[in-house]
Amino acid sequence: MRATGLKDSLTDHGVTTHCEVRHGDTQHTGVDRLIGWDIVEMQGDKSAPTRRPLWERTYPQTARFAERQRAQQASW
């Protein structure tokens, strides 16, 4: 797996990272890369629980991956 940060933003409330992820498990299904957001919010001096990553479904390969994941979970 290889993750590359595309853009980082730091605010008083946390950190947002726009990233690209490449992984052999997704590449063998025809998805070269996934684009997503990693958002960590702060509550005081501690990080709040967050769901990560948030996949960018407007990117076609990421949308295809997310749909495949949703379909697999529905079949369990």
PDB file of N, CA and C in Angstrom:
ATOM      1  N   MET A   1       0.845  -1.170   0.000  1.00  0.00           N
ATOM      2  CA  MET A   1       0.000   0.000   0.000  1.00  0.00           C
ATOM      3  C   MET A   1       0.891   1.233   0.000  1.00  0.00           C
ATOM      4  N   ARG A   2       0.465   2.224  -0.744  1.00  0.00           N
ATOM      5  CA  ARG A   2       1.172   3.497  -0.777  1.00  0.00           C
ATOM      6  C   ARG A   2       0.145   4.614  -0.694  1.00  0.00           C
ATOM      7  N   ALA A   3       0.328   5.500   0.259  1.00  0.00           N
ATOM      8  CA  ALA A   3      -0.560   6.654   0.411  1.00  0.00           C
ATOM      9  C   ALA A   3       0.243   7.919   0.147  1.00  0.00           C
ATOM     10  N   THR A   4      -0.357   8.824  -0.600  1.00  0.00           N
ATOM     11  CA  THR A   4       0.287  10.088  -0.933  1.00  0.00           C
ATOM     12  C   THR A   4      -0.653  11.223  -0.569  1.00  0.00           C
ATOM     13  N   GLY A   5      -0.164  12.140   0.233  1.00  0.00           N
ATOM     14  CA  GLY A   5      -0.964  13.317   0.574  1.00  0.00           C
ATOM     15  C   GLY A   5      -1.049  14.257  -0.611  1.00  0.00           C
ATOM     16  N   LEU A   6      -2.245  14.688  -0.943  1.00  0.00           N
ATOM     17  CA  LEU A   6      -2.434  15.627  -2.049  1.00  0.00           C
ATOM     18  C   LEU A   6      -2.562  17.060  -1.548  1.00  0.00           C
ATOM     19  N   LYS A   7      -3.207  17.218  -0.388  1.00  0.00           N
ATOM     20  CA  LYS A   7      -3.387  18.549   0.193  1.00  0.00           C
ATOM     21  C   LYS A   7      -3.715  18.390   1.668  1.00  0.00           C
ATOM     22  N   ASP A   8      -3.081  19.179   2.501  1.00  0.00           N
ATOM     23  CA  ASP A   8      -3.338  19.163   3.939  1.00  0.00           C
ATOM     24  C   ASP A   8      -3.849  20.529   4.370  1.00  0.00           C
ATOM     25  N   SER A   9      -4.766  20.520   5.322  1.00  0.00           N
ATOM     26  CA  SER A   9      -5.284  21.766   5.893  1.00  0.00           C
ATOM     27  C   SER A   9      -5.307  21.628   7.405  1.00  0.00           C
ATOM     28  N   LEU A  10      -4.849  22.638   8.082  1.00  0.00           N
ATOM     29  CA  LEU A  10      -4.824  22.656   9.537  1.00  0.00           C
ATOM     30  C   LEU A  10      -5.659  23.828  10.020  1.00  0.00           C
ATOM     31  N   THR A  11      -6.595  23.544  10.924  1.00  0.00           N
ATOM     32  CA  THR A  11      -7.416  24.601  11.514  1.00  0.00           C
ATOM     33  C   THR A  11      -7.370  24.455  13.033  1.00  0.00           C
ATOM     34  N   ASP A  12      -8.041  25.340  13.720  1.00  0.00           N
ATOM     35  CA  ASP A  12      -8.136  25.234  15.182  1.00  0.00           C
ATOM     36  C   ASP A  12      -8.915  23.994  15.600  1.00  0.00           C
ATOM     37  N   HIS A  13      -9.716  23.449  14.675  1.00  0.00           N
ATOM     38  CA  HIS A  13     -10.591  22.330  15.008  1.00  0.00           C
ATOM     39  C   HIS A  13     -10.057  20.974  14.567  1.00  0.00           C
ATOM     40  N   GLY A  14      -8.932  20.947  13.829  1.00  0.00           N
ATOM     41  CA  GLY A  14      -8.395  19.662  13.419  1.00  0.00           C
ATOM     42  C   GLY A  14      -7.559  19.721  12.157  1.00  0.00           C
ATOM     43  N   VAL A  15      -7.351  18.549  11.579  1.00  0.00           N
ATOM     44  CA  VAL A  15      -6.516  18.398  10.386  1.00  0.00           C
ATOM     45  C   VAL A  15      -7.322  17.672   9.310  1.00  0.00           C
ATOM     46  N   THR A  16      -7.240  18.152   8.085  1.00  0.00           N
ATOM     47  CA  THR A  16      -7.883  17.509   6.940  1.00  0.00           C
ATOM     48  C   THR A  16      -6.798  17.185   5.915  1.00  0.00           C
ATOM     49  N   THR A  17      -6.767  15.934   5.465  1.00  0.00           N
ATOM     50  CA  THR A  17      -5.803  15.516   4.450  1.00  0.00           C
ATOM     51  C   THR A  17      -6.549  14.916   3.275  1.00  0.00           C
ATOM     52  N   HIS A  18      -6.297  15.436   2.088  1.00  0.00           N
ATOM     53  CA  HIS A  18      -6.829  14.881   0.842  1.00  0.00           C
ATOM     54  C   HIS A  18      -5.727  13.952   0.342  1.00  0.00           C
ATOM     55  N   CYS A  19      -6.037  12.672   0.123  1.00  0.00           N
ATOM     56  CA  CYS A  19      -4.973  11.717  -0.176  1.00  0.00           C
ATOM     57  C   CYS A  19      -5.346  10.757  -1.298  1.00  0.00           C
ATOM     58  N   GLU A  20      -4.296  10.151  -1.832  1.00  0.00           N
ATOM     59  CA  GLU A  20      -4.415   9.118  -2.860  1.00  0.00           C
ATOM     60  C   GLU A  20      -3.844   7.838  -2.261  1.00  0.00           C
ATOM     61  N   VAL A  21      -4.550   6.728  -2.433  1.00  0.00           N
ATOM     62  CA  VAL A  21      -4.090   5.445  -1.921  1.00  0.00           C
ATOM     63  C   VAL A  21      -3.996   4.457  -3.074  1.00  0.00           C
ATOM     64  N   ARG A  22      -2.870   3.781  -3.154  1.00  0.00           N
ATOM     65  CA  ARG A  22      -2.676   2.710  -4.145  1.00  0.00           C
ATOM     66  C   ARG A  22      -2.388   1.432  -3.383  1.00  0.00           C
ATOM     67  N   HIS A  23      -3.065   0.346  -3.766  1.00  0.00           N
ATOM     68  CA  HIS A  23      -2.925  -0.917  -3.039  1.00  0.00           C
ATOM     69  C   HIS A  23      -3.084  -2.071  -4.016  1.00  0.00           C
ATOM     70  N   GLY A  24      -2.273  -3.090  -3.856  1.00  0.00           N
ATOM     71  CA  GLY A  24      -2.337  -4.255  -4.730  1.00  0.00           C
ATOM     72  C   GLY A  24      -3.697  -4.933  -4.721  1.00  0.00           C
ATOM     73  N   ASP A  25      -4.369  -4.957  -3.574  1.00  0.00           N
ATOM     74  CA  ASP A  25      -5.678  -5.607  -3.491  1.00  0.00           C
ATOM     75  C   ASP A  25      -6.728  -4.891  -4.338  1.00  0.00           C
ATOM     76  N   THR A  26      -6.616  -3.583  -4.478  1.00  0.00           N
ATOM     77  CA  THR A  26      -7.577  -2.873  -5.319  1.00  0.00           C
ATOM     78  C   THR A  26      -7.125  -2.865  -6.773  1.00  0.00           C
ATOM     79  N   GLN A  27      -5.824  -2.851  -7.006  1.00  0.00           N
ATOM     80  CA  GLN A  27      -5.321  -2.789  -8.375  1.00  0.00           C
ATOM     81  C   GLN A  27      -5.668  -4.040  -9.168  1.00  0.00           C
ATOM     82  N   HIS A  28      -5.712  -5.205  -8.516  1.00  0.00           N
ATOM     83  CA  HIS A  28      -6.054  -6.417  -9.271  1.00  0.00           C
ATOM     84  C   HIS A  28      -7.531  -6.463  -9.662  1.00  0.00           C
ATOM     85  N   THR A  29      -8.347  -5.551  -9.107  1.00  0.00           N
ATOM     86  CA  THR A  29      -9.757  -5.462  -9.498  1.00  0.00           C
ATOM     87  C   THR A  29      -9.987  -4.356 -10.527  1.00  0.00           C
ATOM     88  N   GLY A  30      -8.898  -3.729 -10.997  1.00  0.00           N
ATOM     89  CA  GLY A  30      -9.027  -2.689 -12.005  1.00  0.00           C
ATOM     90  C   GLY A  30      -9.121  -1.279 -11.454  1.00  0.00           C
ATOM     91  N   VAL A  31      -8.917  -1.119 -10.160  1.00  0.00           N
ATOM     92  CA  VAL A  31      -8.941   0.201  -9.531  1.00  0.00           C
ATOM     93  C   VAL A  31      -7.501   0.569  -9.196  1.00  0.00           C
ATOM     94  N   ASP A  32      -6.923   1.495  -9.961  1.00  0.00           N
ATOM     95  CA  ASP A  32      -5.520   1.862  -9.767  1.00  0.00           C
ATOM     96  C   ASP A  32      -5.285   2.658  -8.490  1.00  0.00           C
ATOM     97  N   ARG A  33      -6.198   3.563  -8.195  1.00  0.00           N
ATOM     98  CA  ARG A  33      -6.004   4.393  -7.008  1.00  0.00           C
ATOM     99  C   ARG A  33      -7.343   4.819  -6.435  1.00  0.00           C
ATOM    100  N   LEU A  34      -7.324   5.104  -5.164  1.00  0.00           N
ATOM    101  CA  LEU A  34      -8.487   5.603  -4.441  1.00  0.00           C
ATOM    102  C   LEU A  34      -8.171   7.015  -3.979  1.00  0.00           C
ATOM    103  N   ILE A  35      -9.147   7.880  -4.046  1.00  0.00           N
ATOM    104  CA  ILE A  35      -8.983   9.249  -3.578  1.00  0.00           C
ATOM    105  C   ILE A  35      -9.930   9.439  -2.397  1.00  0.00           C
ATOM    106  N   GLY A  36      -9.412  10.022  -1.335  1.00  0.00           N
ATOM    107  CA  GLY A  36     -10.252  10.198  -0.164  1.00  0.00           C
ATOM    108  C   GLY A  36      -9.780  11.314   0.741  1.00  0.00           C
ATOM    109  N   TRP A  37     -10.510  11.460   1.822  1.00  0.00           N
ATOM    110  CA  TRP A  37     -10.249  12.479   2.822  1.00  0.00           C
ATOM    111  C   TRP A  37     -10.030  11.796   4.161  1.00  0.00           C
ATOM    112  N   ASP A  38      -9.052  12.277   4.888  1.00  0.00           N
ATOM    113  CA  ASP A  38      -8.799  11.830   6.252  1.00  0.00           C
ATOM    114  C   ASP A  38      -9.004  13.057   7.129  1.00  0.00           C
ATOM    115  N   ILE A  39     -10.012  13.031   7.983  1.00  0.00           N
ATOM    116  CA  ILE A  39     -10.358  14.196   8.784  1.00  0.00           C
ATOM    117  C   ILE A  39     -10.252  13.826  10.257  1.00  0.00           C
ATOM    118  N   VAL A  40      -9.420  14.554  10.965  1.00  0.00           N
ATOM    119  CA  VAL A  40      -9.266  14.349  12.407  1.00  0.00           C
ATOM    120  C   VAL A  40      -9.687  15.637  13.093  1.00  0.00           C
ATOM    121  N   GLU A  41     -10.756  15.566  13.872  1.00  0.00           N
ATOM    122  CA  GLU A  41     -11.241  16.736  14.597  1.00  0.00           C
ATOM    123  C   GLU A  41     -10.708  16.695  16.019  1.00  0.00           C
ATOM    124  N   MET A  42     -10.505  17.867  16.579  1.00  0.00           N
ATOM    125  CA  MET A  42      -9.993  17.977  17.936  1.00  0.00           C
ATOM    126  C   MET A  42     -11.103  18.427  18.882  1.00  0.00           C
ATOM    127  N   GLN A  43     -11.101  17.844  20.072  1.00  0.00           N
ATOM    128  CA  GLN A  43     -11.985  18.284  21.143  1.00  0.00           C
ATOM    129  C   GLN A  43     -11.064  18.627  22.306  1.00  0.00           C
ATOM    130  N   GLY A  44     -10.850  19.914  22.490  1.00  0.00           N
ATOM    131  CA  GLY A  44      -9.863  20.336  23.484  1.00  0.00           C
ATOM    132  C   GLY A  44      -8.476  19.967  22.986  1.00  0.00           C
ATOM    133  N   ASP A  45      -7.737  19.203  23.793  1.00  0.00           N
ATOM    134  CA  ASP A  45      -6.391  18.796  23.391  1.00  0.00           C
ATOM    135  C   ASP A  45      -6.343  17.334  22.937  1.00  0.00           C
ATOM    136  N   LYS A  46      -7.514  16.735  22.674  1.00  0.00           N
ATOM    137  CA  LYS A  46      -7.578  15.333  22.258  1.00  0.00           C
ATOM    138  C   LYS A  46      -8.280  15.196  20.915  1.00  0.00           C
ATOM    139  N   SER A  47      -7.884  14.179  20.158  1.00  0.00           N
ATOM    140  CA  SER A  47      -8.575  13.940  18.891  1.00  0.00           C
ATOM    141  C   SER A  47      -9.882  13.214  19.153  1.00  0.00           C
ATOM    142  N   ALA A  48     -10.903  13.600  18.433  1.00  0.00           N
ATOM    143  CA  ALA A  48     -12.225  12.991  18.559  1.00  0.00           C
ATOM    144  C   ALA A  48     -12.283  11.744  17.682  1.00  0.00           C
ATOM    145  N   PRO A  49     -13.095  10.751  18.044  1.00  0.00           N
ATOM    146  CA  PRO A  49     -13.238   9.579  17.171  1.00  0.00           C
ATOM    147  C   PRO A  49     -13.796   9.992  15.815  1.00  0.00           C
ATOM    148  N   THR A  50     -13.191   9.508  14.766  1.00  0.00           N
ATOM    149  CA  THR A  50     -13.649   9.824  13.421  1.00  0.00           C
ATOM    150  C   THR A  50     -13.644   8.565  12.577  1.00  0.00           C
ATOM    151  N   ARG A  51     -14.462   8.569  11.544  1.00  0.00           N
ATOM    152  CA  ARG A  51     -14.504   7.468  10.588  1.00  0.00           C
ATOM    153  C   ARG A  51     -13.572   7.854   9.447  1.00  0.00           C
ATOM    154  N   ARG A  52     -12.561   7.047   9.217  1.00  0.00           N
ATOM    155  CA  ARG A  52     -11.590   7.372   8.186  1.00  0.00           C
ATOM    156  C   ARG A  52     -11.323   6.158   7.336  1.00  0.00           C
ATOM    157  N   PRO A  53     -10.940   6.278   6.132  1.00  0.00           N
ATOM    158  CA  PRO A  53     -11.019   7.482   5.320  1.00  0.00           C
ATOM    159  C   PRO A  53     -12.437   7.691   4.791  1.00  0.00           C
ATOM    160  N   LEU A  54     -12.708   8.874   4.338  1.00  0.00           N
ATOM    161  CA  LEU A  54     -13.968   9.187   3.664  1.00  0.00           C
ATOM    162  C   LEU A  54     -13.654   9.208   2.179  1.00  0.00           C
ATOM    163  N   TRP A  55     -14.121   8.216   1.449  1.00  0.00           N
ATOM    164  CA  TRP A  55     -13.772   8.085   0.036  1.00  0.00           C
ATOM    165  C   TRP A  55     -14.489   9.116  -0.812  1.00  0.00           C
ATOM    166  N   GLU A  56     -13.779   9.672  -1.763  1.00  0.00           N
ATOM    167  CA  GLU A  56     -14.321  10.678  -2.672  1.00  0.00           C
ATOM    168  C   GLU A  56     -15.040   9.967  -3.817  1.00  0.00           C
ATOM    169  N   ARG A  57     -16.346   9.860  -3.705  1.00  0.00           N
ATOM    170  CA  ARG A  57     -17.132   9.071  -4.660  1.00  0.00           C
ATOM    171  C   ARG A  57     -17.347   9.767  -5.998  1.00  0.00           C
ATOM    172  N   THR A  58     -16.908  11.008  -6.120  1.00  0.00           N
ATOM    173  CA  THR A  58     -17.006  11.681  -7.414  1.00  0.00           C
ATOM    174  C   THR A  58     -15.877  11.247  -8.348  1.00  0.00           C
ATOM    175  N   TYR A  59     -14.843  10.628  -7.806  1.00  0.00           N
ATOM    176  CA  TYR A  59     -13.750  10.095  -8.619  1.00  0.00           C
ATOM    177  C   TYR A  59     -14.174   8.700  -9.085  1.00  0.00           C
ATOM    178  N   PRO A  60     -14.240   8.426 -10.388  1.00  0.00           N
ATOM    179  CA  PRO A  60     -14.829   7.187 -10.906  1.00  0.00           C
ATOM    180  C   PRO A  60     -14.250   5.895 -10.328  1.00  0.00           C
ATOM    181  N   GLN A  61     -12.935   5.797 -10.193  1.00  0.00           N
ATOM    182  CA  GLN A  61     -12.354   4.561  -9.665  1.00  0.00           C
ATOM    183  C   GLN A  61     -12.715   4.365  -8.197  1.00  0.00           C
ATOM    184  N   THR A  62     -12.712   5.456  -7.441  1.00  0.00           N
ATOM    185  CA  THR A  62     -13.088   5.358  -6.034  1.00  0.00           C
ATOM    186  C   THR A  62     -14.561   4.993  -5.902  1.00  0.00           C
ATOM    187  N   ALA A  63     -15.410   5.555  -6.742  1.00  0.00           N
ATOM    188  CA  ALA A  63     -16.838   5.236  -6.715  1.00  0.00           C
ATOM    189  C   ALA A  63     -17.060   3.760  -7.024  1.00  0.00           C
ATOM    190  N   ARG A  64     -16.327   3.230  -7.992  1.00  0.00           N
ATOM    191  CA  ARG A  64     -16.440   1.812  -8.342  1.00  0.00           C
ATOM    192  C   ARG A  64     -16.021   0.928  -7.158  1.00  0.00           C
ATOM    193  N   PHE A  65     -14.925   1.289  -6.500  1.00  0.00           N
ATOM    194  CA  PHE A  65     -14.450   0.550  -5.332  1.00  0.00           C
ATOM    195  C   PHE A  65     -15.484   0.596  -4.203  1.00  0.00           C
ATOM    196  N   ALA A  66     -16.006   1.794  -3.910  1.00  0.00           N
ATOM    197  CA  ALA A  66     -16.977   1.949  -2.822  1.00  0.00           C
ATOM    198  C   ALA A  66     -18.243   1.143  -3.096  1.00  0.00           C
ATOM    199  N   GLU A  67     -18.697   1.120  -4.339  1.00  0.00           N
ATOM    200  CA  GLU A  67     -19.889   0.342  -4.691  1.00  0.00           C
ATOM    201  C   GLU A  67     -19.630  -1.151  -4.529  1.00  0.00           C
ATOM    202  N   ARG A  68     -18.455  -1.596  -4.925  1.00  0.00           N
ATOM    203  CA  ARG A  68     -18.098  -3.006  -4.771  1.00  0.00           C
ATOM    204  C   ARG A  68     -18.057  -3.388  -3.287  1.00  0.00           C
ATOM    205  N   GLN A  69     -17.500  -2.510  -2.460  1.00  0.00           N
ATOM    206  CA  GLN A  69     -17.453  -2.759  -1.021  1.00  0.00           C
ATOM    207  C   GLN A  69     -18.856  -2.838  -0.441  1.00  0.00           C
ATOM    208  N   ARG A  70     -19.725  -1.893  -0.854  1.00  0.00           N
ATOM    209  CA  ARG A  70     -21.110  -1.882  -0.353  1.00  0.00           C
ATOM    210  C   ARG A  70     -21.834  -3.161  -0.739  1.00  0.00           C
ATOM    211  N   ALA A  71     -21.657  -3.620  -1.976  1.00  0.00           N
ATOM    212  CA  ALA A  71     -22.315  -4.829  -2.442  1.00  0.00           C
ATOM    213  C   ALA A  71     -21.816  -6.060  -1.677  1.00  0.00           C
ATOM    214  N   GLN A  72     -20.530  -6.107  -1.389  1.00  0.00           N
ATOM    215  CA  GLN A  72     -19.987  -7.245  -0.649  1.00  0.00           C
ATOM    216  C   GLN A  72     -20.550  -7.273   0.769  1.00  0.00           C
ATOM    217  N   GLN A  73     -20.638  -6.121   1.418  1.00  0.00           N
ATOM    218  CA  GLN A  73     -21.168  -6.067   2.769  1.00  0.00           C
ATOM    219  C   GLN A  73     -22.641  -6.449   2.799  1.00  0.00           C
ATOM    220  N   ALA A  74     -23.381  -6.086   1.768  1.00  0.00           N
ATOM    221  CA  ALA A  74     -24.811  -6.421   1.714  1.00  0.00           C
ATOM    222  C   ALA A  74     -25.022  -7.922   1.558  1.00  0.00           C
ATOM    223  N   SER A  75     -24.059  -8.613   0.955  1.00  0.00           N
ATOM    224  CA  SER A  75     -24.213 -10.055   0.727  1.00  0.00           C
ATOM    225  C   SER A  75     -23.825 -10.889   1.941  1.00  0.00           C
ATOM    226  N   TRP A  76     -23.257 -10.259   2.978  1.00  0.00           N
ATOM    227  CA  TRP A  76     -22.866 -11.020   4.177  1.00  0.00           C
ATOM    228  C   TRP A  76     -24.043 -11.317   4.980  1.00  0.00           C
TER     229      TRP A  76
END
